[in-house]
Amino acid sequence: MGATLLGLGWNFEQVLTALVIPAALATTAVVIKGLVSHADAT
């Protein structure tokens, strides 16, 4: 994925940002889901 974007003329910082943002959103969603599940269990 990253190599493809670099090949299309993206610079490394743009590629890194494009890969980090979805990972951060997914991590946030998992954390929120975990907190909500834990709150429901008590």
Protein backbone atom coordinates (compact mmCIF):
# COMPACT_ATOMS: atom_id res chain seq x y z
CA MET A 1 0.00 0.00 0.00
CA GLY A 2 2.65 2.52 1.05
CA ALA A 3 4.90 1.63 -1.88
CA THR A 4 1.99 2.13 -4.28
CA LEU A 5 1.31 5.61 -2.93
CA LEU A 6 5.00 6.53 -3.08
CA GLY A 7 4.99 5.31 -6.67
CA LEU A 8 2.09 7.64 -7.43
CA GLY A 9 4.18 10.61 -6.32
CA TRP A 10 3.16 10.90 -2.67
CA ASN A 11 5.92 11.82 -0.26
CA PHE A 12 6.72 9.72 2.79
CA GLU A 13 4.94 12.05 5.22
CA GLN A 14 1.70 11.89 3.22
CA VAL A 15 1.86 8.09 3.07
CA LEU A 16 2.54 7.85 6.80
CA THR A 17 -0.40 10.15 7.58
CA ALA A 18 -2.70 8.19 5.27
CA LEU A 19 -1.81 4.96 7.09
CA VAL A 20 -1.78 6.35 10.66
CA ILE A 21 -5.19 8.07 10.61
CA PRO A 22 -7.27 4.90 9.99
CA ALA A 23 -5.17 3.01 12.55
CA ALA A 24 -5.78 5.73 15.14
CA LEU A 25 -9.52 5.74 14.42
CA ALA A 26 -9.68 1.96 14.74
CA THR A 27 -7.75 2.04 18.02
CA THR A 28 -10.05 4.74 19.38
CA ALA A 29 -13.13 2.73 18.40
CA VAL A 30 -11.77 -0.38 20.12
CA VAL A 31 -10.98 1.57 23.30
CA ILE A 32 -14.43 3.18 23.37
CA LYS A 33 -16.10 -0.18 22.74
CA GLY A 34 -14.05 -1.67 25.57
CA LEU A 35 -15.02 1.12 27.95
CA VAL A 36 -18.71 0.84 27.05
CA SER A 37 -18.67 -2.94 27.41
CA HIS A 38 -16.96 -2.65 30.78
CA ALA A 39 -19.50 -0.05 31.95
CA ASP A 40 -22.37 -2.34 30.93
CA ALA A 41 -20.88 -5.26 32.85
CA THR A 42 -20.92 -3.45 36.20
